[in-house]
Amino acid sequence: MSDLLLATDTSGKNGRIALARVTSGQSDVEIVGAAPLAGGAFSAQLVPQIAALLENHGYRKSDLAAFAVVSGPGRLRGCAWLGCHQSPGRGIAETNRCDFIAGSGC
């Protein structure tokens, strides 16, 4: 069985959101779709972009099983926690942008 994951990164000049399918017990992740967020207006873009991404791929927010967020540095760290308040009972994972970049081999 696979779960739908919403990933957000609003920690830099430009951001990104993505939907992915993850299967328990497997390390592979299927990217369903992604969208860029232009810098300077994350708060105005985040919710409508997430809604559009879900709709474009035939999903509703109730289909989301978990959230992955990249935090700081960045002024809009609060956007990373958007899903927590609107979707209690779903998992959330946070990674620091610096740790993520360092661990990715970039």
N, C-alpha and C. Protein backbone atom coordinates (compact mmCIF):
# COMPACT_ATOMS: atom_id res chain seq x y z
N MET A 1 0.84 -1.18 0.00
CA MET A 1 0.00 0.00 0.00
C MET A 1 0.89 1.25 0.00
N SER A 2 0.54 2.24 -0.81
CA SER A 2 1.32 3.46 -0.86
C SER A 2 0.54 4.63 -0.26
N ASP A 3 1.28 5.60 0.23
CA ASP A 3 0.70 6.79 0.84
C ASP A 3 1.11 8.01 0.03
N LEU A 4 0.26 9.03 0.05
CA LEU A 4 0.54 10.28 -0.64
C LEU A 4 1.20 11.25 0.33
N LEU A 5 2.33 11.80 -0.09
CA LEU A 5 3.14 12.72 0.72
C LEU A 5 3.17 14.08 0.04
N LEU A 6 3.04 15.14 0.81
CA LEU A 6 3.21 16.50 0.32
C LEU A 6 4.52 17.04 0.90
N ALA A 7 5.42 17.46 0.04
CA ALA A 7 6.70 18.03 0.47
C ALA A 7 6.72 19.51 0.12
N THR A 8 7.21 20.33 1.06
CA THR A 8 7.32 21.77 0.82
C THR A 8 8.70 22.26 1.21
N ASP A 9 9.18 23.20 0.44
CA ASP A 9 10.44 23.88 0.77
C ASP A 9 10.22 25.37 0.52
N THR A 10 10.09 26.12 1.60
CA THR A 10 9.94 27.57 1.51
C THR A 10 11.09 28.26 2.24
N SER A 11 12.21 27.57 2.34
CA SER A 11 13.31 28.07 3.16
C SER A 11 14.32 28.91 2.39
N GLY A 12 14.21 28.99 1.09
CA GLY A 12 15.18 29.76 0.32
C GLY A 12 14.53 30.88 -0.46
N LYS A 13 15.30 31.43 -1.37
CA LYS A 13 14.79 32.52 -2.21
C LYS A 13 13.60 32.06 -3.04
N ASN A 14 13.69 30.90 -3.61
CA ASN A 14 12.59 30.28 -4.34
C ASN A 14 12.22 28.98 -3.63
N GLY A 15 10.98 28.59 -3.77
CA GLY A 15 10.53 27.38 -3.09
C GLY A 15 10.00 26.36 -4.06
N ARG A 16 9.50 25.26 -3.51
CA ARG A 16 8.98 24.18 -4.34
C ARG A 16 8.04 23.36 -3.48
N ILE A 17 7.02 22.84 -4.13
CA ILE A 17 6.14 21.85 -3.50
C ILE A 17 6.12 20.63 -4.39
N ALA A 18 5.87 19.48 -3.78
CA ALA A 18 5.83 18.24 -4.57
C ALA A 18 4.90 17.24 -3.91
N LEU A 19 4.28 16.43 -4.74
CA LEU A 19 3.49 15.29 -4.29
C LEU A 19 4.26 14.03 -4.63
N ALA A 20 4.29 13.10 -3.72
CA ALA A 20 5.00 11.85 -3.96
C ALA A 20 4.21 10.68 -3.38
N ARG A 21 4.38 9.53 -3.99
CA ARG A 21 3.82 8.28 -3.47
C ARG A 21 4.94 7.52 -2.81
N VAL A 22 4.73 7.12 -1.57
CA VAL A 22 5.73 6.35 -0.84
C VAL A 22 5.08 5.03 -0.40
N THR A 23 5.84 3.97 -0.49
CA THR A 23 5.35 2.65 -0.12
C THR A 23 6.10 2.18 1.11
N SER A 24 5.36 1.77 2.11
CA SER A 24 5.95 1.30 3.35
C SER A 24 6.91 0.16 3.09
N GLY A 25 8.09 0.24 3.68
CA GLY A 25 9.09 -0.81 3.54
C GLY A 25 9.95 -0.69 2.30
N GLN A 26 9.72 0.31 1.48
CA GLN A 26 10.53 0.50 0.27
C GLN A 26 11.19 1.88 0.32
N SER A 27 12.37 1.98 -0.25
CA SER A 27 13.08 3.26 -0.26
C SER A 27 12.76 4.10 -1.49
N ASP A 28 12.14 3.51 -2.50
CA ASP A 28 11.80 4.27 -3.70
C ASP A 28 10.62 5.18 -3.44
N VAL A 29 10.67 6.36 -4.06
CA VAL A 29 9.60 7.33 -3.98
C VAL A 29 9.20 7.69 -5.40
N GLU A 30 7.91 7.69 -5.68
CA GLU A 30 7.42 8.09 -7.00
C GLU A 30 6.94 9.54 -6.92
N ILE A 31 7.59 10.43 -7.66
CA ILE A 31 7.17 11.82 -7.70
C ILE A 31 5.94 11.91 -8.60
N VAL A 32 4.84 12.34 -8.04
CA VAL A 32 3.58 12.45 -8.77
C VAL A 32 3.54 13.77 -9.54
N GLY A 33 4.00 14.83 -8.91
CA GLY A 33 3.99 16.14 -9.53
C GLY A 33 4.70 17.14 -8.65
N ALA A 34 5.12 18.26 -9.24
CA ALA A 34 5.83 19.29 -8.49
C ALA A 34 5.52 20.65 -9.10
N ALA A 35 5.71 21.69 -8.30
CA ALA A 35 5.49 23.05 -8.79
C ALA A 35 6.45 24.00 -8.08
N PRO A 36 7.00 24.94 -8.81
CA PRO A 36 7.88 25.93 -8.19
C PRO A 36 7.05 27.01 -7.49
N LEU A 37 7.67 27.64 -6.50
CA LEU A 37 7.08 28.80 -5.82
C LEU A 37 8.05 29.96 -6.01
N ALA A 38 7.59 31.01 -6.64
CA ALA A 38 8.45 32.17 -6.86
C ALA A 38 8.71 32.88 -5.54
N GLY A 39 9.94 33.32 -5.37
CA GLY A 39 10.32 34.00 -4.14
C GLY A 39 9.57 35.30 -3.94
N GLY A 40 9.45 35.68 -2.67
CA GLY A 40 8.86 36.95 -2.34
C GLY A 40 7.39 36.92 -1.98
N ALA A 41 6.71 35.84 -2.28
CA ALA A 41 5.27 35.80 -1.99
C ALA A 41 4.80 34.40 -1.63
N PHE A 42 5.61 33.67 -0.87
CA PHE A 42 5.24 32.29 -0.52
C PHE A 42 3.87 32.23 0.15
N SER A 43 3.62 33.14 1.07
CA SER A 43 2.37 33.06 1.84
C SER A 43 1.15 33.19 0.94
N ALA A 44 1.25 33.96 -0.13
CA ALA A 44 0.13 34.12 -1.06
C ALA A 44 0.02 32.95 -2.02
N GLN A 45 1.10 32.24 -2.27
CA GLN A 45 1.12 31.17 -3.27
C GLN A 45 0.89 29.78 -2.72
N LEU A 46 1.32 29.54 -1.50
CA LEU A 46 1.41 28.17 -1.00
C LEU A 46 0.09 27.41 -1.04
N VAL A 47 -0.94 27.94 -0.44
CA VAL A 47 -2.21 27.22 -0.38
C VAL A 47 -2.83 27.04 -1.77
N PRO A 48 -2.91 28.10 -2.60
CA PRO A 48 -3.47 27.88 -3.94
C PRO A 48 -2.65 26.92 -4.80
N GLN A 49 -1.32 26.95 -4.67
CA GLN A 49 -0.48 26.04 -5.46
C GLN A 49 -0.66 24.59 -5.01
N ILE A 50 -0.77 24.38 -3.70
CA ILE A 50 -1.01 23.02 -3.19
C ILE A 50 -2.37 22.52 -3.69
N ALA A 51 -3.39 23.38 -3.60
CA ALA A 51 -4.73 22.99 -4.07
C ALA A 51 -4.70 22.63 -5.55
N ALA A 52 -4.01 23.44 -6.36
CA ALA A 52 -3.92 23.18 -7.80
C ALA A 52 -3.16 21.88 -8.08
N LEU A 53 -2.07 21.66 -7.36
CA LEU A 53 -1.28 20.45 -7.57
C LEU A 53 -2.11 19.20 -7.25
N LEU A 54 -2.82 19.24 -6.14
CA LEU A 54 -3.69 18.12 -5.78
C LEU A 54 -4.77 17.91 -6.84
N GLU A 55 -5.45 18.98 -7.22
CA GLU A 55 -6.53 18.87 -8.20
C GLU A 55 -6.03 18.38 -9.56
N ASN A 56 -4.90 18.89 -10.00
CA ASN A 56 -4.35 18.49 -11.30
C ASN A 56 -4.01 17.01 -11.38
N HIS A 57 -3.80 16.39 -10.22
CA HIS A 57 -3.45 14.97 -10.19
C HIS A 57 -4.57 14.11 -9.62
N GLY A 58 -5.75 14.70 -9.46
CA GLY A 58 -6.92 13.94 -9.04
C GLY A 58 -6.99 13.61 -7.57
N TYR A 59 -6.35 14.40 -6.73
CA TYR A 59 -6.35 14.16 -5.29
C TYR A 59 -7.06 15.29 -4.55
N ARG A 60 -7.44 14.99 -3.30
CA ARG A 60 -7.98 15.98 -2.36
C ARG A 60 -7.03 16.05 -1.17
N LYS A 61 -7.14 17.10 -0.38
CA LYS A 61 -6.23 17.20 0.77
C LYS A 61 -6.46 16.05 1.75
N SER A 62 -7.66 15.49 1.78
CA SER A 62 -7.92 14.35 2.66
C SER A 62 -7.15 13.10 2.23
N ASP A 63 -6.62 13.08 1.00
CA ASP A 63 -5.82 11.95 0.52
C ASP A 63 -4.39 11.97 1.05
N LEU A 64 -3.97 13.11 1.59
CA LEU A 64 -2.59 13.24 2.08
C LEU A 64 -2.41 12.44 3.36
N ALA A 65 -1.37 11.62 3.38
CA ALA A 65 -1.07 10.80 4.55
C ALA A 65 0.03 11.41 5.41
N ALA A 66 0.91 12.20 4.78
CA ALA A 66 2.05 12.72 5.52
C ALA A 66 2.60 13.97 4.83
N PHE A 67 3.42 14.69 5.57
CA PHE A 67 4.04 15.92 5.09
C PHE A 67 5.54 15.86 5.34
N ALA A 68 6.30 16.39 4.41
CA ALA A 68 7.75 16.56 4.60
C ALA A 68 8.04 18.03 4.35
N VAL A 69 8.76 18.64 5.26
CA VAL A 69 9.04 20.06 5.14
C VAL A 69 10.53 20.32 5.31
N VAL A 70 11.00 21.31 4.58
CA VAL A 70 12.38 21.78 4.74
C VAL A 70 12.28 23.09 5.50
N SER A 71 13.01 23.19 6.60
CA SER A 71 12.94 24.41 7.41
C SER A 71 14.24 25.18 7.31
N GLY A 72 14.16 26.47 7.53
CA GLY A 72 15.23 27.45 7.62
C GLY A 72 16.54 27.08 6.93
N PRO A 73 17.35 28.02 6.70
CA PRO A 73 17.03 29.41 7.01
C PRO A 73 15.98 29.91 6.05
N GLY A 74 15.23 30.87 6.47
CA GLY A 74 14.19 31.43 5.63
C GLY A 74 13.16 32.14 6.48
N ARG A 75 12.56 33.13 5.90
CA ARG A 75 11.65 33.95 6.69
C ARG A 75 10.27 33.35 6.80
N LEU A 76 9.95 32.37 6.01
CA LEU A 76 8.60 31.84 6.02
C LEU A 76 8.56 30.43 6.61
N ARG A 77 9.29 30.23 7.65
CA ARG A 77 9.36 28.91 8.27
C ARG A 77 7.98 28.41 8.69
N GLY A 78 7.09 29.32 9.06
CA GLY A 78 5.75 28.94 9.48
C GLY A 78 4.97 28.22 8.41
N CYS A 79 5.22 28.53 7.14
CA CYS A 79 4.50 27.85 6.05
C CYS A 79 4.81 26.37 6.03
N ALA A 80 5.98 26.00 6.52
CA ALA A 80 6.36 24.59 6.52
C ALA A 80 5.42 23.76 7.39
N TRP A 81 4.80 24.36 8.37
CA TRP A 81 3.94 23.63 9.30
C TRP A 81 2.46 23.73 8.95
N LEU A 82 2.16 24.23 7.77
CA LEU A 82 0.78 24.42 7.33
C LEU A 82 -0.07 23.18 7.54
N GLY A 83 0.40 22.05 7.13
CA GLY A 83 -0.39 20.82 7.19
C GLY A 83 -0.69 20.33 8.59
N CYS A 84 0.14 20.65 9.54
CA CYS A 84 -0.07 20.17 10.92
C CYS A 84 -1.41 20.64 11.48
N HIS A 85 -1.73 21.88 11.26
CA HIS A 85 -2.93 22.45 11.86
C HIS A 85 -4.18 22.08 11.08
N GLN A 86 -4.06 21.84 9.80
CA GLN A 86 -5.23 21.52 9.00
C GLN A 86 -5.47 20.02 8.89
N SER A 87 -4.54 19.21 9.27
CA SER A 87 -4.67 17.77 9.09
C SER A 87 -4.13 17.00 10.29
N PRO A 88 -4.80 17.09 11.43
CA PRO A 88 -4.32 16.35 12.60
C PRO A 88 -4.33 14.86 12.35
N GLY A 89 -3.38 14.17 12.94
CA GLY A 89 -3.30 12.73 12.82
C GLY A 89 -2.44 12.25 11.66
N ARG A 90 -1.92 13.16 10.88
CA ARG A 90 -1.04 12.79 9.77
C ARG A 90 0.40 13.02 10.19
N GLY A 91 1.30 12.23 9.63
CA GLY A 91 2.70 12.35 9.97
C GLY A 91 3.36 13.56 9.34
N ILE A 92 4.40 14.04 9.99
CA ILE A 92 5.17 15.15 9.44
C ILE A 92 6.64 14.91 9.74
N ALA A 93 7.47 15.16 8.76
CA ALA A 93 8.93 15.05 8.93
C ALA A 93 9.55 16.37 8.54
N GLU A 94 10.51 16.81 9.32
CA GLU A 94 11.21 18.07 9.04
C GLU A 94 12.68 17.78 8.81
N THR A 95 13.26 18.48 7.86
CA THR A 95 14.70 18.45 7.68
C THR A 95 15.18 19.88 7.51
N ASN A 96 16.34 20.14 8.02
CA ASN A 96 16.96 21.45 7.87
C ASN A 96 17.57 21.53 6.49
N ARG A 97 17.41 22.66 5.82
CA ARG A 97 17.91 22.80 4.45
C ARG A 97 19.42 22.54 4.37
N CYS A 98 20.16 23.05 5.31
CA CYS A 98 21.62 22.86 5.30
C CYS A 98 21.98 21.38 5.45
N ASP A 99 21.29 20.68 6.35
CA ASP A 99 21.54 19.25 6.53
C ASP A 99 21.16 18.46 5.29
N PHE A 100 20.04 18.85 4.67
CA PHE A 100 19.58 18.15 3.47
C PHE A 100 20.59 18.29 2.34
N ILE A 101 21.07 19.51 2.12
CA ILE A 101 22.05 19.74 1.05
C ILE A 101 23.34 19.01 1.36
N ALA A 102 23.78 19.06 2.62
CA ALA A 102 25.03 18.37 2.99
C ALA A 102 24.92 16.86 2.80
N GLY A 103 23.75 16.29 3.11
CA GLY A 103 23.57 14.85 3.00
C GLY A 103 23.30 14.37 1.58
N SER A 104 22.99 15.28 0.67
CA SER A 104 22.63 14.87 -0.68
C SER A 104 23.84 14.72 -1.60
N GLY A 105 25.00 15.13 -1.12
CA GLY A 105 26.20 15.03 -1.94
C GLY A 105 26.36 16.17 -2.93
N CYS A 106 25.54 17.21 -2.77
CA CYS A 106 25.62 18.38 -3.67
C CYS A 106 26.87 19.19 -3.39
